[in-house]
């Protein structure tokens, strides 16, 4: 078992969280405390699930839960873009990060069979 903090999926998820905290500051008040908080909480839950999966013998279910977290994040990002809180450039940038995390989770799940 490797240290969770050295996992690339952990690093990517943590970097995404840092970027979301910074971007949330610029959202309108209404979205800052709804969708912005939702994304931050889902991301923190995902990071916790990554940690739990790394230290567990039952990785598959925990990785699947982390994948559910990333899909909820993807939905919230879409809503932020629809409500004009993210311009297209930021939306694409964040979605590329989300997609990279999602692919890493799928690969990890497949390799832990």
C-alpha atoms as a PDB file:
ATOM      1  CA  UNK A   1       0.000   0.000   0.000  1.00  0.00           C
ATOM      2  CA  UNK A   2       1.451   3.322  -1.027  1.00  0.00           C
ATOM      3  CA  UNK A   3       0.936   6.544   0.867  1.00  0.00           C
ATOM      4  CA  UNK A   4      -2.360   8.068  -0.212  1.00  0.00           C
ATOM      5  CA  UNK A   5      -0.709  11.459  -0.640  1.00  0.00           C
ATOM      6  CA  UNK A   6       1.591  10.067  -3.329  1.00  0.00           C
ATOM      7  CA  UNK A   7      -1.278   8.740  -5.465  1.00  0.00           C
ATOM      8  CA  UNK A   8      -1.711  10.760  -8.651  1.00  0.00           C
ATOM      9  CA  UNK A   9      -5.511  10.640  -8.284  1.00  0.00           C
ATOM     10  CA  UNK A  10      -5.186  12.104  -4.783  1.00  0.00           C
ATOM     11  CA  UNK A  11      -2.890  14.870  -6.009  1.00  0.00           C
ATOM     12  CA  UNK A  12      -5.191  15.702  -8.933  1.00  0.00           C
ATOM     13  CA  UNK A  13      -8.226  15.775  -6.635  1.00  0.00           C
ATOM     14  CA  UNK A  14      -6.500  17.984  -4.092  1.00  0.00           C
ATOM     15  CA  UNK A  15      -5.342  20.380  -6.827  1.00  0.00           C
ATOM     16  CA  UNK A  16      -8.916  20.518  -8.136  1.00  0.00           C
ATOM     17  CA  UNK A  17     -10.156  21.382  -4.634  1.00  0.00           C
ATOM     18  CA  UNK A  18      -7.616  24.195  -4.293  1.00  0.00           C
ATOM     19  CA  UNK A  19      -8.663  25.603  -7.676  1.00  0.00           C
ATOM     20  CA  UNK A  20     -12.350  25.422  -6.761  1.00  0.00           C
ATOM     21  CA  UNK A  21     -11.790  27.212  -3.454  1.00  0.00           C
ATOM     22  CA  UNK A  22     -10.044  30.020  -5.341  1.00  0.00           C
ATOM     23  CA  UNK A  23     -12.713  30.236  -8.063  1.00  0.00           C
ATOM     24  CA  UNK A  24     -15.635  30.146  -5.643  1.00  0.00           C
ATOM     25  CA  UNK A  25     -14.618  33.550  -4.296  1.00  0.00           C
ATOM     26  CA  UNK A  26     -15.733  35.120  -7.590  1.00  0.00           C
ATOM     27  CA  UNK A  27     -19.182  33.516  -7.747  1.00  0.00           C
ATOM     28  CA  UNK A  28     -22.309  35.526  -7.039  1.00  0.00           C
ATOM     29  CA  UNK A  29     -23.353  35.139  -3.409  1.00  0.00           C
ATOM     30  CA  UNK A  30     -26.291  32.905  -4.281  1.00  0.00           C
ATOM     31  CA  UNK A  31     -24.084  30.374  -6.094  1.00  0.00           C
ATOM     32  CA  UNK A  32     -21.078  30.694  -3.801  1.00  0.00           C
ATOM     33  CA  UNK A  33     -23.032  29.219  -0.889  1.00  0.00           C
ATOM     34  CA  UNK A  34     -24.991  26.624  -2.860  1.00  0.00           C
ATOM     35  CA  UNK A  35     -23.232  25.135  -5.864  1.00  0.00           C
ATOM     36  CA  UNK A  36     -19.778  26.319  -4.802  1.00  0.00           C
ATOM     37  CA  UNK A  37     -20.108  24.731  -1.363  1.00  0.00           C
ATOM     38  CA  UNK A  38     -21.594  21.596  -2.900  1.00  0.00           C
ATOM     39  CA  UNK A  39     -18.590  21.154  -5.184  1.00  0.00           C
ATOM     40  CA  UNK A  40     -16.138  21.730  -2.351  1.00  0.00           C
ATOM     41  CA  UNK A  41     -17.944  19.245  -0.071  1.00  0.00           C
ATOM     42  CA  UNK A  42     -18.199  16.591  -2.809  1.00  0.00           C
ATOM     43  CA  UNK A  43     -14.517  17.041  -3.610  1.00  0.00           C
ATOM     44  CA  UNK A  44     -13.565  16.643   0.038  1.00  0.00           C
ATOM     45  CA  UNK A  45     -15.735  13.514   0.263  1.00  0.00           C
ATOM     46  CA  UNK A  46     -14.073  12.160  -2.866  1.00  0.00           C
ATOM     47  CA  UNK A  47     -10.624  12.757  -1.378  1.00  0.00           C
ATOM     48  CA  UNK A  48     -11.715  10.954   1.803  1.00  0.00           C
ATOM     49  CA  UNK A  49     -12.958   8.028  -0.286  1.00  0.00           C
ATOM     50  CA  UNK A  50      -9.630   7.909  -2.119  1.00  0.00           C
ATOM     51  CA  UNK A  51      -7.843   7.768   1.226  1.00  0.00           C
ATOM     52  CA  UNK A  52     -10.196   5.046   2.487  1.00  0.00           C
ATOM     53  CA  UNK A  53      -9.830   3.010  -0.698  1.00  0.00           C
ATOM     54  CA  UNK A  54      -6.058   3.208  -0.527  1.00  0.00           C
ATOM     55  CA  UNK A  55      -6.013   1.836   3.015  1.00  0.00           C
ATOM     56  CA  UNK A  56      -8.737  -0.783   2.554  1.00  0.00           C
ATOM     57  CA  UNK A  57      -8.822  -4.303   1.220  1.00  0.00           C
ATOM     58  CA  UNK A  58     -12.309  -3.539  -0.183  1.00  0.00           C
ATOM     59  CA  UNK A  59     -11.230  -0.882  -2.645  1.00  0.00           C
ATOM     60  CA  UNK A  60     -13.802  -1.432  -5.360  1.00  0.00           C
ATOM     61  CA  UNK A  61     -16.839  -0.048  -3.505  1.00  0.00           C
ATOM     62  CA  UNK A  62     -14.926   2.958  -2.147  1.00  0.00           C
ATOM     63  CA  UNK A  63     -13.559   3.787  -5.591  1.00  0.00           C
ATOM     64  CA  UNK A  64     -17.084   3.514  -6.985  1.00  0.00           C
ATOM     65  CA  UNK A  65     -18.277   5.953  -4.321  1.00  0.00           C
ATOM     66  CA  UNK A  66     -15.482   8.351  -5.327  1.00  0.00           C
ATOM     67  CA  UNK A  67     -16.678   8.037  -8.925  1.00  0.00           C
ATOM     68  CA  UNK A  68     -20.185   8.993  -7.790  1.00  0.00           C
ATOM     69  CA  UNK A  69     -18.657  12.053  -6.100  1.00  0.00           C
ATOM     70  CA  UNK A  70     -16.947  13.097  -9.322  1.00  0.00           C
ATOM     71  CA  UNK A  71     -20.202  12.766 -11.281  1.00  0.00           C
ATOM     72  CA  UNK A  72     -21.989  15.036  -8.791  1.00  0.00           C
ATOM     73  CA  UNK A  73     -19.145  17.532  -9.191  1.00  0.00           C
ATOM     74  CA  UNK A  74     -19.516  17.339 -12.973  1.00  0.00           C
ATOM     75  CA  UNK A  75     -23.245  18.133 -12.654  1.00  0.00           C
ATOM     76  CA  UNK A  76     -22.608  21.102 -10.348  1.00  0.00           C
ATOM     77  CA  UNK A  77     -19.984  22.484 -12.734  1.00  0.00           C
ATOM     78  CA  UNK A  78     -22.473  22.276 -15.589  1.00  0.00           C
ATOM     79  CA  UNK A  79     -25.006  24.195 -13.543  1.00  0.00           C
ATOM     80  CA  UNK A  80     -22.419  26.855 -12.678  1.00  0.00           C
ATOM     81  CA  UNK A  81     -21.671  27.314 -16.355  1.00  0.00           C
ATOM     82  CA  UNK A  82     -25.379  27.454 -17.208  1.00  0.00           C
ATOM     83  CA  UNK A  83     -25.883  30.154 -14.548  1.00  0.00           C
ATOM     84  CA  UNK A  84     -22.987  32.189 -15.970  1.00  0.00           C
ATOM     85  CA  UNK A  85     -20.697  31.730 -12.967  1.00  0.00           C
ATOM     86  CA  UNK A  86     -17.989  30.108 -15.098  1.00  0.00           C
ATOM     87  CA  UNK A  87     -16.967  31.319 -18.509  1.00  0.00           C
ATOM     88  CA  UNK A  88     -16.382  28.721 -21.197  1.00  0.00           C
ATOM     89  CA  UNK A  89     -12.599  28.712 -20.741  1.00  0.00           C
ATOM     90  CA  UNK A  90     -12.835  28.006 -16.986  1.00  0.00           C
ATOM     91  CA  UNK A  91     -15.592  25.452 -17.536  1.00  0.00           C
ATOM     92  CA  UNK A  92     -13.479  23.528 -20.065  1.00  0.00           C
ATOM     93  CA  UNK A  93     -10.392  23.772 -17.828  1.00  0.00           C
ATOM     94  CA  UNK A  94     -12.258  22.364 -14.806  1.00  0.00           C
ATOM     95  CA  UNK A  95     -13.968  19.667 -16.846  1.00  0.00           C
ATOM     96  CA  UNK A  96     -10.600  18.489 -18.144  1.00  0.00           C
ATOM     97  CA  UNK A  97      -9.460  18.154 -14.507  1.00  0.00           C
ATOM     98  CA  UNK A  98     -12.637  16.265 -13.621  1.00  0.00           C
ATOM     99  CA  UNK A  99     -12.222  13.952 -16.609  1.00  0.00           C
ATOM    100  CA  UNK A 100      -8.602  13.200 -15.675  1.00  0.00           C
ATOM    101  CA  UNK A 101      -9.656  12.314 -12.118  1.00  0.00           C
ATOM    102  CA  UNK A 102     -12.508  10.167 -13.413  1.00  0.00           C
ATOM    103  CA  UNK A 103     -10.211   8.240 -15.755  1.00  0.00           C
ATOM    104  CA  UNK A 104      -7.732   7.619 -12.936  1.00  0.00           C
ATOM    105  CA  UNK A 105     -10.506   6.298 -10.715  1.00  0.00           C
ATOM    106  CA  UNK A 106     -11.733   3.949 -13.460  1.00  0.00           C
ATOM    107  CA  UNK A 107      -8.207   2.674 -14.073  1.00  0.00           C
ATOM    108  CA  UNK A 108      -7.657   2.156 -10.346  1.00  0.00           C
ATOM    109  CA  UNK A 109     -10.961   0.285 -10.035  1.00  0.00           C
ATOM    110  CA  UNK A 110     -10.081  -1.944 -12.997  1.00  0.00           C
ATOM    111  CA  UNK A 111      -6.624  -2.703 -11.644  1.00  0.00           C
ATOM    112  CA  UNK A 112      -7.938  -3.648  -8.214  1.00  0.00           C
ATOM    113  CA  UNK A 113     -10.096  -6.544  -9.446  1.00  0.00           C
END
